Amino acid sequence: MSGNILTNRERDVFVLLVNNKSTKEIAQILNISEKTVRNHVSNAMQKLGCKGRAGAVIELIKLGEIKL
């Protein structure tokens, strides 16, 4: 797998997640609903084959999709 697995919005959500933002804070920052944030996280985890947010973050870092 190479870069650009995620949509730009999914990447935005995970960048905020690794910066310790809550679902509510992410929703406010991106001007979307909390449900939409959860949908982006869920879609990204499905694409990555991960069961949890932490596993998805690790995969995204390994793949170079996000940086710490």
N, C-alpha and C. Protein backbone atom coordinates (compact mmCIF):
# COMPACT_ATOMS: atom_id res chain seq x y z
N MET A 1 0.84 -1.19 0.00
CA MET A 1 0.00 0.00 0.00
C MET A 1 0.88 1.25 0.00
N SER A 2 0.51 2.22 -0.79
CA SER A 2 1.24 3.47 -0.77
C SER A 2 0.32 4.59 -0.31
N GLY A 3 0.80 5.83 -0.34
CA GLY A 3 0.06 6.96 0.19
C GLY A 3 -1.32 7.14 -0.42
N ASN A 4 -2.06 8.05 0.16
CA ASN A 4 -3.39 8.42 -0.31
C ASN A 4 -4.43 7.31 -0.21
N ILE A 5 -4.36 6.57 0.87
CA ILE A 5 -5.37 5.56 1.16
C ILE A 5 -6.63 6.26 1.65
N LEU A 6 -6.43 7.30 2.43
CA LEU A 6 -7.55 8.03 3.03
C LEU A 6 -7.98 9.21 2.18
N THR A 7 -9.22 9.61 2.38
CA THR A 7 -9.65 10.88 1.79
C THR A 7 -8.99 12.00 2.59
N ASN A 8 -8.98 13.18 2.03
CA ASN A 8 -8.39 14.32 2.75
C ASN A 8 -9.08 14.53 4.09
N ARG A 9 -10.39 14.37 4.12
CA ARG A 9 -11.14 14.60 5.36
C ARG A 9 -10.82 13.54 6.40
N GLU A 10 -10.72 12.28 5.97
CA GLU A 10 -10.35 11.21 6.91
C GLU A 10 -8.97 11.50 7.49
N ARG A 11 -8.05 11.96 6.64
CA ARG A 11 -6.71 12.29 7.12
C ARG A 11 -6.77 13.45 8.12
N ASP A 12 -7.58 14.48 7.81
CA ASP A 12 -7.75 15.61 8.74
C ASP A 12 -8.19 15.13 10.11
N VAL A 13 -9.16 14.21 10.13
CA VAL A 13 -9.69 13.68 11.38
C VAL A 13 -8.58 12.96 12.16
N PHE A 14 -7.80 12.12 11.50
CA PHE A 14 -6.75 11.38 12.20
C PHE A 14 -5.61 12.27 12.66
N VAL A 15 -5.30 13.30 11.89
CA VAL A 15 -4.27 14.25 12.34
C VAL A 15 -4.72 14.90 13.65
N LEU A 16 -5.97 15.27 13.72
CA LEU A 16 -6.49 15.86 14.96
C LEU A 16 -6.54 14.82 16.09
N LEU A 17 -6.86 13.58 15.76
CA LEU A 17 -6.87 12.52 16.78
C LEU A 17 -5.50 12.34 17.40
N VAL A 18 -4.46 12.32 16.57
CA VAL A 18 -3.11 12.11 17.12
C VAL A 18 -2.63 13.35 17.88
N ASN A 19 -3.33 14.46 17.69
CA ASN A 19 -3.04 15.66 18.47
C ASN A 19 -3.96 15.77 19.69
N ASN A 20 -4.48 14.61 20.09
CA ASN A 20 -5.24 14.46 21.34
C ASN A 20 -6.55 15.23 21.37
N LYS A 21 -7.20 15.38 20.22
CA LYS A 21 -8.50 16.04 20.17
C LYS A 21 -9.60 14.99 20.30
N SER A 22 -10.65 15.35 21.00
CA SER A 22 -11.80 14.45 21.16
C SER A 22 -12.67 14.51 19.91
N THR A 23 -13.59 13.57 19.83
CA THR A 23 -14.54 13.56 18.71
C THR A 23 -15.29 14.89 18.65
N LYS A 24 -15.71 15.37 19.80
CA LYS A 24 -16.45 16.64 19.86
C LYS A 24 -15.58 17.80 19.38
N GLU A 25 -14.32 17.84 19.83
CA GLU A 25 -13.41 18.92 19.42
C GLU A 25 -13.14 18.85 17.91
N ILE A 26 -12.94 17.64 17.39
CA ILE A 26 -12.70 17.47 15.95
C ILE A 26 -13.90 17.98 15.16
N ALA A 27 -15.10 17.63 15.61
CA ALA A 27 -16.31 18.07 14.94
C ALA A 27 -16.38 19.60 14.90
N GLN A 28 -16.05 20.24 16.02
CA GLN A 28 -16.09 21.70 16.07
C GLN A 28 -15.02 22.32 15.16
N ILE A 29 -13.81 21.78 15.20
CA ILE A 29 -12.71 22.32 14.39
C ILE A 29 -13.02 22.20 12.90
N LEU A 30 -13.55 21.05 12.48
CA LEU A 30 -13.81 20.81 11.06
C LEU A 30 -15.21 21.25 10.62
N ASN A 31 -15.99 21.74 11.59
CA ASN A 31 -17.36 22.20 11.31
C ASN A 31 -18.22 21.10 10.70
N ILE A 32 -18.14 19.92 11.31
CA ILE A 32 -18.96 18.77 10.92
C ILE A 32 -19.56 18.17 12.19
N SER A 33 -20.51 17.25 12.05
CA SER A 33 -21.13 16.65 13.23
C SER A 33 -20.23 15.57 13.83
N GLU A 34 -20.48 15.27 15.10
CA GLU A 34 -19.72 14.20 15.76
C GLU A 34 -19.95 12.87 15.05
N LYS A 35 -21.17 12.66 14.57
CA LYS A 35 -21.47 11.42 13.84
C LYS A 35 -20.61 11.33 12.57
N THR A 36 -20.44 12.45 11.89
CA THR A 36 -19.61 12.45 10.68
C THR A 36 -18.15 12.14 11.03
N VAL A 37 -17.68 12.68 12.15
CA VAL A 37 -16.32 12.36 12.61
C VAL A 37 -16.20 10.85 12.82
N ARG A 38 -17.16 10.28 13.53
CA ARG A 38 -17.14 8.83 13.79
C ARG A 38 -17.20 8.03 12.48
N ASN A 39 -17.99 8.51 11.52
CA ASN A 39 -18.07 7.84 10.22
C ASN A 39 -16.72 7.86 9.51
N HIS A 40 -16.04 9.01 9.54
CA HIS A 40 -14.72 9.10 8.91
C HIS A 40 -13.74 8.13 9.56
N VAL A 41 -13.77 8.08 10.88
CA VAL A 41 -12.87 7.16 11.61
C VAL A 41 -13.19 5.72 11.24
N SER A 42 -14.47 5.39 11.23
CA SER A 42 -14.91 4.04 10.91
C SER A 42 -14.52 3.64 9.48
N ASN A 43 -14.73 4.55 8.53
CA ASN A 43 -14.37 4.27 7.14
C ASN A 43 -12.87 4.04 7.00
N ALA A 44 -12.09 4.86 7.67
CA ALA A 44 -10.63 4.73 7.60
C ALA A 44 -10.19 3.40 8.22
N MET A 45 -10.77 3.04 9.36
CA MET A 45 -10.40 1.77 10.01
C MET A 45 -10.76 0.60 9.11
N GLN A 46 -11.88 0.68 8.43
CA GLN A 46 -12.29 -0.39 7.51
C GLN A 46 -11.29 -0.51 6.36
N LYS A 47 -10.89 0.61 5.77
CA LYS A 47 -9.91 0.60 4.68
C LYS A 47 -8.59 -0.02 5.13
N LEU A 48 -8.21 0.26 6.39
CA LEU A 48 -6.92 -0.21 6.92
C LEU A 48 -7.00 -1.62 7.50
N GLY A 49 -8.21 -2.12 7.70
CA GLY A 49 -8.38 -3.43 8.31
C GLY A 49 -8.05 -3.44 9.79
N CYS A 50 -8.30 -2.31 10.46
CA CYS A 50 -8.00 -2.17 11.89
C CYS A 50 -9.30 -2.16 12.69
N LYS A 51 -9.21 -2.65 13.91
CA LYS A 51 -10.39 -2.70 14.75
C LYS A 51 -10.52 -1.49 15.68
N GLY A 52 -9.43 -0.80 15.93
CA GLY A 52 -9.49 0.34 16.85
C GLY A 52 -8.76 1.54 16.31
N ARG A 53 -9.05 2.68 16.94
CA ARG A 53 -8.41 3.93 16.51
C ARG A 53 -6.90 3.87 16.66
N ALA A 54 -6.43 3.30 17.77
CA ALA A 54 -4.99 3.24 18.00
C ALA A 54 -4.30 2.42 16.91
N GLY A 55 -4.88 1.28 16.56
CA GLY A 55 -4.32 0.45 15.50
C GLY A 55 -4.30 1.18 14.18
N ALA A 56 -5.35 1.94 13.91
CA ALA A 56 -5.42 2.71 12.67
C ALA A 56 -4.34 3.78 12.64
N VAL A 57 -4.14 4.45 13.76
CA VAL A 57 -3.09 5.48 13.83
C VAL A 57 -1.73 4.86 13.55
N ILE A 58 -1.45 3.71 14.15
CA ILE A 58 -0.16 3.04 13.94
C ILE A 58 0.02 2.70 12.46
N GLU A 59 -1.01 2.14 11.85
CA GLU A 59 -0.93 1.80 10.42
C GLU A 59 -0.70 3.04 9.57
N LEU A 60 -1.41 4.11 9.87
CA LEU A 60 -1.29 5.34 9.09
C LEU A 60 0.12 5.93 9.20
N ILE A 61 0.70 5.83 10.39
CA ILE A 61 2.08 6.31 10.56
C ILE A 61 3.04 5.43 9.75
N LYS A 62 2.86 4.12 9.85
CA LYS A 62 3.71 3.19 9.09
C LYS A 62 3.64 3.45 7.59
N LEU A 63 2.43 3.78 7.12
CA LEU A 63 2.19 3.99 5.69
C LEU A 63 2.58 5.41 5.24
N GLY A 64 2.96 6.25 6.20
CA GLY A 64 3.34 7.61 5.86
C GLY A 64 2.16 8.52 5.58
N GLU A 65 0.95 8.08 5.96
CA GLU A 65 -0.25 8.90 5.73
C GLU A 65 -0.32 10.07 6.71
N ILE A 66 0.14 9.84 7.95
CA ILE A 66 0.18 10.90 8.94
C ILE A 66 1.52 10.84 9.66
N LYS A 67 1.88 11.94 10.29
CA LYS A 67 3.12 12.02 11.06
C LYS A 67 2.81 12.49 12.47
N LEU A 68 3.66 12.05 13.39
CA LEU A 68 3.49 12.52 14.78
C LEU A 68 4.18 13.85 14.97
